[in-house]
Amino acid sequence: MIQTVTGKIKKEDFGICAAHEHLSIDLSRIKNDPDTILDDEHGMIAELYYFHRAGGRSLIELTNDGMGRDVKRLKRLSEATYVHIVTCTGFYKDPFIPAFAERWGQDQFAAHFIQEITQGIDGTDIFPGVIGEVGTSVDEIKPVENELILGAGKAALETGLPVSTHTSLGTLGSKQVEMLFGLGLLRDQIIIGHQDLNTNKEEVLDVLQSGVYIGFDTIGKNNYRADEDRLSFLIDFIERGFHKQILLSADLTRKSHWRKHGGPGYDLVLNDFIPALKERGVSDEVVTDLLVHNPANAFSIKE
């Protein structure tokens, strides 16, 4: 089963999924940029309609406490658009962790996440379906991030939820795997994010060879890396037989990413990236794994 904001559903009903997105978010406390505030609920509905029209049926919303999480809004959006939305428990990374949790240890993080998973978020009857996005800095794991990752892993062990991570510019994915494996977490409970931002193919292969899932989840962010390079790496990984471990998404976090404001929108992967994959000979069967089967398996609760 998969926990959505409107209840649990069978993984067979999950459909085409965007595996790492943000609909309602506010990063302006740290970034000091109004473009990083998504608070237009009517706009969110319109953007989700584009996604649904392109075939999208599910979306993993990884805006956590400290990033502007609003689970009541997510439930309204799901009910209005018929898109399954999975919300999260977790904290992002330094310096986005809320002040009250900045000095927590791993057990305090774990207890907080477990409480939200078992009791509901902020006094609601809305439950998270994933622990994330929990992250590390560029080529560095700060002390609070170390405790955060371990706390997330402990909560996953206790509850069966998956952990979805943030790797800054794709770095330290293997270290995150090592930390989570060290706790005894199952490989199919781990999603290492933003691996499409890492230009070191051997580092990404090392993560894949561990058996965990990875996110090719910043598609369309050509200011970080050209999609042509993402395609090249992804096709190589598919040819090596790793296609059942890869999740796709675009990680939209700004007003300027929305169609309403001239951006690509949440349907970017479905309308642009998937046709480009198919033009390069990737089969419909593999595409279905990337969009449907892999996320359904990755985000199912491990009993």
Protein backbone atom coordinates (compact mmCIF):
# COMPACT_ATOMS: atom_id res chain seq x y z
CA MET A 1 0.00 0.00 0.00
CA ILE A 2 0.98 3.62 -0.55
CA GLN A 3 0.00 6.37 1.90
CA THR A 4 -1.44 9.44 0.17
CA VAL A 5 -2.91 12.62 1.67
CA THR A 6 -6.41 11.19 1.17
CA GLY A 7 -5.66 7.70 2.47
CA LYS A 8 -3.90 4.50 1.52
CA ILE A 9 -4.15 3.13 -2.02
CA LYS A 10 -2.95 -0.01 -3.73
CA LYS A 11 0.31 0.44 -5.58
CA GLU A 12 -1.42 -0.88 -8.71
CA ASP A 13 -3.58 2.26 -8.64
CA PHE A 14 -0.68 4.71 -8.39
CA GLY A 15 -0.17 5.21 -12.14
CA ILE A 16 2.38 7.50 -13.76
CA CYS A 17 4.23 9.27 -10.97
CA ALA A 18 6.41 12.36 -10.59
CA ALA A 19 8.77 11.12 -7.90
CA HIS A 20 10.18 14.38 -6.47
CA GLU A 21 8.17 17.59 -6.64
CA HIS A 22 7.03 20.65 -4.70
CA LEU A 23 3.61 22.25 -5.12
CA SER A 24 3.38 24.46 -2.03
CA ILE A 25 6.73 25.73 -0.75
CA ASP A 26 8.48 28.71 0.82
CA LEU A 27 12.27 28.80 0.79
CA SER A 28 12.45 32.58 1.07
CA ARG A 29 13.50 32.56 4.74
CA ILE A 30 16.91 31.35 3.59
CA LYS A 31 17.03 32.23 -0.10
CA ASN A 32 15.51 35.71 0.33
CA ASP A 33 13.89 35.39 -3.10
CA PRO A 34 10.12 35.66 -3.66
CA ASP A 35 10.45 33.38 -6.70
CA THR A 36 10.95 30.52 -4.21
CA ILE A 37 7.45 30.95 -2.75
CA LEU A 38 4.65 28.83 -4.22
CA ASP A 39 1.44 29.91 -2.46
CA ASP A 40 -1.06 30.36 -5.31
CA GLU A 41 -3.51 27.52 -4.69
CA HIS A 42 -5.63 28.18 -7.77
CA GLY A 43 -2.41 28.24 -9.76
CA MET A 44 -1.41 24.89 -8.27
CA ILE A 45 -4.67 23.36 -9.46
CA ALA A 46 -4.11 24.66 -12.98
CA GLU A 47 -0.54 23.34 -13.04
CA LEU A 48 -1.72 19.93 -11.84
CA TYR A 49 -4.34 19.83 -14.59
CA TYR A 50 -1.55 20.10 -17.16
CA PHE A 51 0.22 17.22 -15.42
CA HIS A 52 -2.95 15.11 -15.35
CA ARG A 53 -3.72 15.85 -19.01
CA ALA A 54 -0.24 14.59 -19.95
CA GLY A 55 -0.99 11.29 -18.18
CA GLY A 56 0.33 12.01 -14.69
CA ARG A 57 -1.64 10.37 -11.90
CA SER A 58 0.59 10.60 -8.80
CA LEU A 59 3.05 13.06 -7.34
CA ILE A 60 5.49 12.83 -4.43
CA GLU A 61 5.46 16.21 -2.65
CA LEU A 62 8.68 16.53 -0.65
CA THR A 63 8.14 19.91 1.00
CA ASN A 64 8.75 19.28 4.67
CA ASP A 65 8.55 21.27 7.90
CA GLY A 66 10.92 24.22 7.47
CA MET A 67 10.28 24.41 3.73
CA GLY A 68 6.67 25.59 3.97
CA ARG A 69 4.75 22.30 4.19
CA ASP A 70 0.95 22.68 4.09
CA VAL A 71 -0.70 19.27 4.17
CA LYS A 72 -4.28 20.57 4.30
CA ARG A 73 -3.63 22.41 1.04
CA LEU A 74 -2.17 19.25 -0.50
CA LYS A 75 -5.30 17.33 0.42
CA ARG A 76 -7.49 19.99 -1.20
CA LEU A 77 -5.34 19.88 -4.32
CA SER A 78 -5.60 16.11 -4.56
CA GLU A 79 -9.36 16.19 -4.15
CA ALA A 80 -9.71 18.93 -6.77
CA THR A 81 -7.49 17.37 -9.43
CA TYR A 82 -7.74 13.59 -8.85
CA VAL A 83 -3.94 13.41 -8.65
CA HIS A 84 -2.69 11.15 -5.86
CA ILE A 85 -0.36 13.25 -3.69
CA VAL A 86 2.07 11.76 -1.18
CA THR A 87 3.31 14.14 1.51
CA CYS A 88 6.34 13.75 3.74
CA THR A 89 7.72 13.96 7.23
CA GLY A 90 11.28 15.17 7.61
CA PHE A 91 13.58 18.16 7.56
CA TYR A 92 15.64 19.34 4.59
CA LYS A 93 19.26 20.19 5.44
CA ASP A 94 21.30 22.92 7.07
CA PRO A 95 20.34 25.82 7.15
CA PHE A 96 16.68 25.00 6.45
CA ILE A 97 16.09 22.90 9.58
CA PRO A 98 13.65 24.72 11.91
CA ALA A 99 15.23 26.38 14.94
CA PHE A 100 13.51 24.03 17.38
CA ALA A 101 15.27 21.02 15.84
CA GLU A 102 18.71 22.46 15.06
CA ARG A 103 20.36 20.73 18.03
CA TRP A 104 18.47 17.46 17.92
CA GLY A 105 20.17 14.11 17.84
CA GLN A 106 19.19 11.18 15.67
CA ASP A 107 16.80 9.69 18.23
CA GLN A 108 14.92 12.99 18.59
CA PHE A 109 14.60 13.25 14.82
CA ALA A 110 13.40 9.65 14.64
CA ALA A 111 10.82 10.13 17.40
CA HIS A 112 9.41 13.23 15.73
CA PHE A 113 9.09 11.52 12.35
CA ILE A 114 7.54 8.40 13.88
CA GLN A 115 4.97 10.52 15.72
CA GLU A 116 3.87 12.20 12.48
CA ILE A 117 3.78 8.86 10.67
CA THR A 118 1.66 7.17 13.34
CA GLN A 119 -0.42 10.06 14.75
CA GLY A 120 -0.84 12.36 11.75
CA ILE A 121 0.72 15.70 10.79
CA ASP A 122 0.03 18.83 12.87
CA GLY A 123 -3.07 17.41 14.52
CA THR A 124 -4.71 16.38 11.23
CA ASP A 125 -5.78 13.00 9.92
CA ILE A 126 -3.26 13.40 7.09
CA PHE A 127 -0.34 10.99 7.19
CA PRO A 128 3.04 11.09 5.42
CA GLY A 129 3.93 8.40 2.91
CA VAL A 130 7.66 9.10 2.79
CA ILE A 131 10.45 10.44 5.00
CA GLY A 132 12.15 13.21 3.09
CA GLU A 133 13.63 15.10 1.56
CA VAL A 134 16.47 14.75 4.07
CA GLY A 135 19.77 16.03 2.82
CA THR A 136 23.46 16.74 2.99
CA SER A 137 25.54 19.67 1.81
CA VAL A 138 27.92 19.82 -1.17
CA ASP A 139 30.72 17.32 -0.50
CA GLU A 140 30.07 17.70 3.24
CA ILE A 141 27.85 16.16 5.88
CA LYS A 142 27.38 18.69 8.65
CA PRO A 143 26.84 17.34 12.18
CA VAL A 144 23.11 18.09 12.22
CA GLU A 145 22.73 16.51 8.77
CA ASN A 146 24.46 13.36 10.01
CA GLU A 147 21.96 13.09 12.86
CA LEU A 148 19.08 13.89 10.51
CA ILE A 149 19.95 11.16 8.00
CA LEU A 150 20.38 8.59 10.78
CA GLY A 151 17.15 9.69 12.44
CA ALA A 152 15.29 9.34 9.15
CA GLY A 153 16.73 5.87 8.73
CA LYS A 154 15.67 4.82 12.22
CA ALA A 155 12.14 6.09 11.60
CA ALA A 156 12.03 4.14 8.33
CA LEU A 157 13.10 0.97 10.12
CA GLU A 158 10.33 1.45 12.67
CA THR A 159 7.53 2.32 10.24
CA GLY A 160 8.34 0.75 6.87
CA LEU A 161 8.22 4.08 5.02
CA PRO A 162 10.87 4.86 2.40
CA VAL A 163 13.52 7.53 2.84
CA SER A 164 13.99 10.02 -0.01
CA THR A 165 17.20 12.03 0.23
CA HIS A 166 18.60 15.26 -1.11
CA THR A 167 22.18 15.22 -2.35
CA SER A 168 23.54 18.69 -3.04
CA LEU A 169 24.67 18.69 -6.69
CA GLY A 170 24.47 14.89 -6.54
CA THR A 171 27.40 14.52 -4.12
CA LEU A 172 27.78 11.98 -1.29
CA GLY A 173 25.13 9.57 -2.52
CA SER A 174 27.25 6.55 -1.65
CA LYS A 175 27.92 7.93 1.82
CA GLN A 176 24.19 8.31 2.40
CA VAL A 177 23.68 4.70 1.30
CA GLU A 178 26.43 3.56 3.65
CA MET A 179 24.82 5.38 6.58
CA LEU A 180 21.36 3.95 5.91
CA PHE A 181 22.63 0.43 5.25
CA GLY A 182 24.54 0.68 8.52
CA LEU A 183 21.22 0.96 10.32
CA GLY A 184 19.90 -2.14 8.54
CA LEU A 185 17.60 -0.34 6.13
CA LEU A 186 16.45 -2.30 3.09
CA ARG A 187 17.75 -1.20 -0.29
CA ASP A 188 14.20 -0.85 -1.65
CA GLN A 189 13.41 1.65 1.13
CA ILE A 190 16.10 4.08 -0.03
CA ILE A 191 15.83 6.73 -2.75
CA ILE A 192 19.00 8.76 -3.28
CA GLY A 193 17.96 12.03 -4.87
CA HIS A 194 19.40 14.32 -7.53
CA GLN A 195 21.82 11.80 -8.98
CA ASP A 196 21.26 13.36 -12.41
CA LEU A 197 23.22 16.38 -11.13
CA ASN A 198 26.37 14.34 -10.53
CA THR A 199 28.62 14.45 -13.59
CA ASN A 200 30.89 11.73 -12.15
CA LYS A 201 29.39 8.61 -13.70
CA GLU A 202 31.40 6.23 -11.51
CA GLU A 203 29.98 7.80 -8.37
CA VAL A 204 26.43 7.36 -9.63
CA LEU A 205 27.16 3.79 -10.71
CA ASP A 206 28.44 3.07 -7.22
CA VAL A 207 25.08 4.15 -5.82
CA LEU A 208 23.19 2.06 -8.38
CA GLN A 209 25.31 -0.99 -7.72
CA SER A 210 24.22 -0.89 -4.07
CA GLY A 211 20.71 -1.76 -5.27
CA VAL A 212 18.90 1.35 -4.02
CA TYR A 213 16.68 3.64 -6.06
CA ILE A 214 18.06 6.89 -7.45
CA GLY A 215 16.34 10.05 -8.56
CA PHE A 216 16.86 11.49 -12.00
CA ASP A 217 14.70 14.20 -10.62
CA THR A 218 15.92 17.65 -11.70
CA ILE A 219 15.00 17.17 -15.35
CA GLY A 220 14.69 20.46 -17.19
CA LYS A 221 17.05 22.36 -14.90
CA ASN A 222 19.50 23.03 -17.69
CA ASN A 223 21.14 25.82 -15.70
CA TYR A 224 22.60 23.06 -13.54
CA ARG A 225 23.14 20.47 -16.25
CA ALA A 226 21.95 20.06 -19.82
CA ASP A 227 19.17 17.53 -20.32
CA GLU A 228 21.17 16.11 -23.22
CA ASP A 229 23.78 15.01 -20.66
CA ARG A 230 21.07 13.58 -18.42
CA LEU A 231 19.77 11.57 -21.38
CA SER A 232 23.23 10.25 -22.16
CA PHE A 233 23.84 9.04 -18.60
CA LEU A 234 20.34 7.62 -18.24
CA ILE A 235 20.51 5.63 -21.47
CA ASP A 236 23.87 4.20 -20.39
CA PHE A 237 22.40 3.15 -17.02
CA ILE A 238 19.42 1.56 -18.77
CA GLU A 239 21.74 -0.38 -21.10
CA ARG A 240 23.65 -1.60 -18.03
CA GLY A 241 20.39 -3.01 -16.62
CA PHE A 242 19.64 -0.48 -13.88
CA HIS A 243 16.30 0.72 -15.28
CA LYS A 244 14.27 -0.78 -12.42
CA GLN A 245 16.07 1.46 -9.88
CA ILE A 246 15.56 4.90 -11.46
CA LEU A 247 12.82 7.45 -10.72
CA LEU A 248 12.05 10.55 -12.81
CA SER A 249 10.89 14.04 -11.88
CA ALA A 250 11.61 17.76 -12.34
CA ASP A 251 11.78 19.14 -8.75
CA LEU A 252 9.95 22.41 -9.43
CA THR A 253 10.47 24.91 -6.61
CA ARG A 254 9.93 28.37 -8.17
CA LYS A 255 7.16 30.47 -9.63
CA SER A 256 9.27 30.77 -12.76
CA HIS A 257 9.08 26.97 -13.17
CA TRP A 258 5.30 27.07 -13.61
CA ARG A 259 3.58 27.21 -16.99
CA LYS A 260 1.60 30.20 -15.68
CA HIS A 261 4.83 32.17 -15.49
CA GLY A 262 6.43 30.89 -18.69
CA GLY A 263 8.14 27.84 -17.21
CA PRO A 264 8.03 24.18 -18.30
CA GLY A 265 5.50 22.92 -15.72
CA TYR A 266 5.07 19.58 -13.98
CA ASP A 267 4.35 17.86 -17.31
CA LEU A 268 7.87 18.57 -18.60
CA VAL A 269 9.10 15.01 -18.08
CA LEU A 270 6.09 13.48 -19.82
CA ASN A 271 5.90 15.93 -22.72
CA ASP A 272 9.59 16.48 -23.47
CA PHE A 273 11.97 14.07 -21.73
CA ILE A 274 10.10 10.80 -22.35
CA PRO A 275 9.72 11.44 -26.11
CA ALA A 276 13.46 12.18 -26.23
CA LEU A 277 14.16 8.85 -24.54
CA LYS A 278 11.94 7.01 -26.99
CA GLU A 279 13.59 8.71 -29.94
CA ARG A 280 16.85 7.20 -28.72
CA GLY A 281 15.38 3.71 -28.74
CA VAL A 282 14.25 3.24 -25.14
CA SER A 283 11.35 0.79 -25.14
CA ASP A 284 7.82 1.39 -23.87
CA GLU A 285 8.43 -1.38 -21.32
CA VAL A 286 11.40 0.45 -19.81
CA VAL A 287 9.53 3.76 -19.84
CA THR A 288 6.68 2.11 -17.92
CA ASP A 289 9.19 0.90 -15.33
CA LEU A 290 10.61 4.42 -14.95
CA LEU A 291 7.24 6.14 -14.64
CA VAL A 292 4.92 3.55 -13.09
CA HIS A 293 6.44 0.40 -11.62
CA ASN A 294 9.55 1.89 -10.01
CA PRO A 295 7.77 4.63 -8.03
CA ALA A 296 4.96 2.27 -7.04
CA ASN A 297 7.52 -0.15 -5.62
CA ALA A 298 9.73 2.54 -4.09
CA PHE A 299 6.93 4.33 -2.25
CA SER A 300 5.01 1.29 -1.07
CA ILE A 301 5.11 0.74 2.69
CA LYS A 302 7.40 -2.12 3.61
CA GLU A 303 5.58 -4.21 6.18
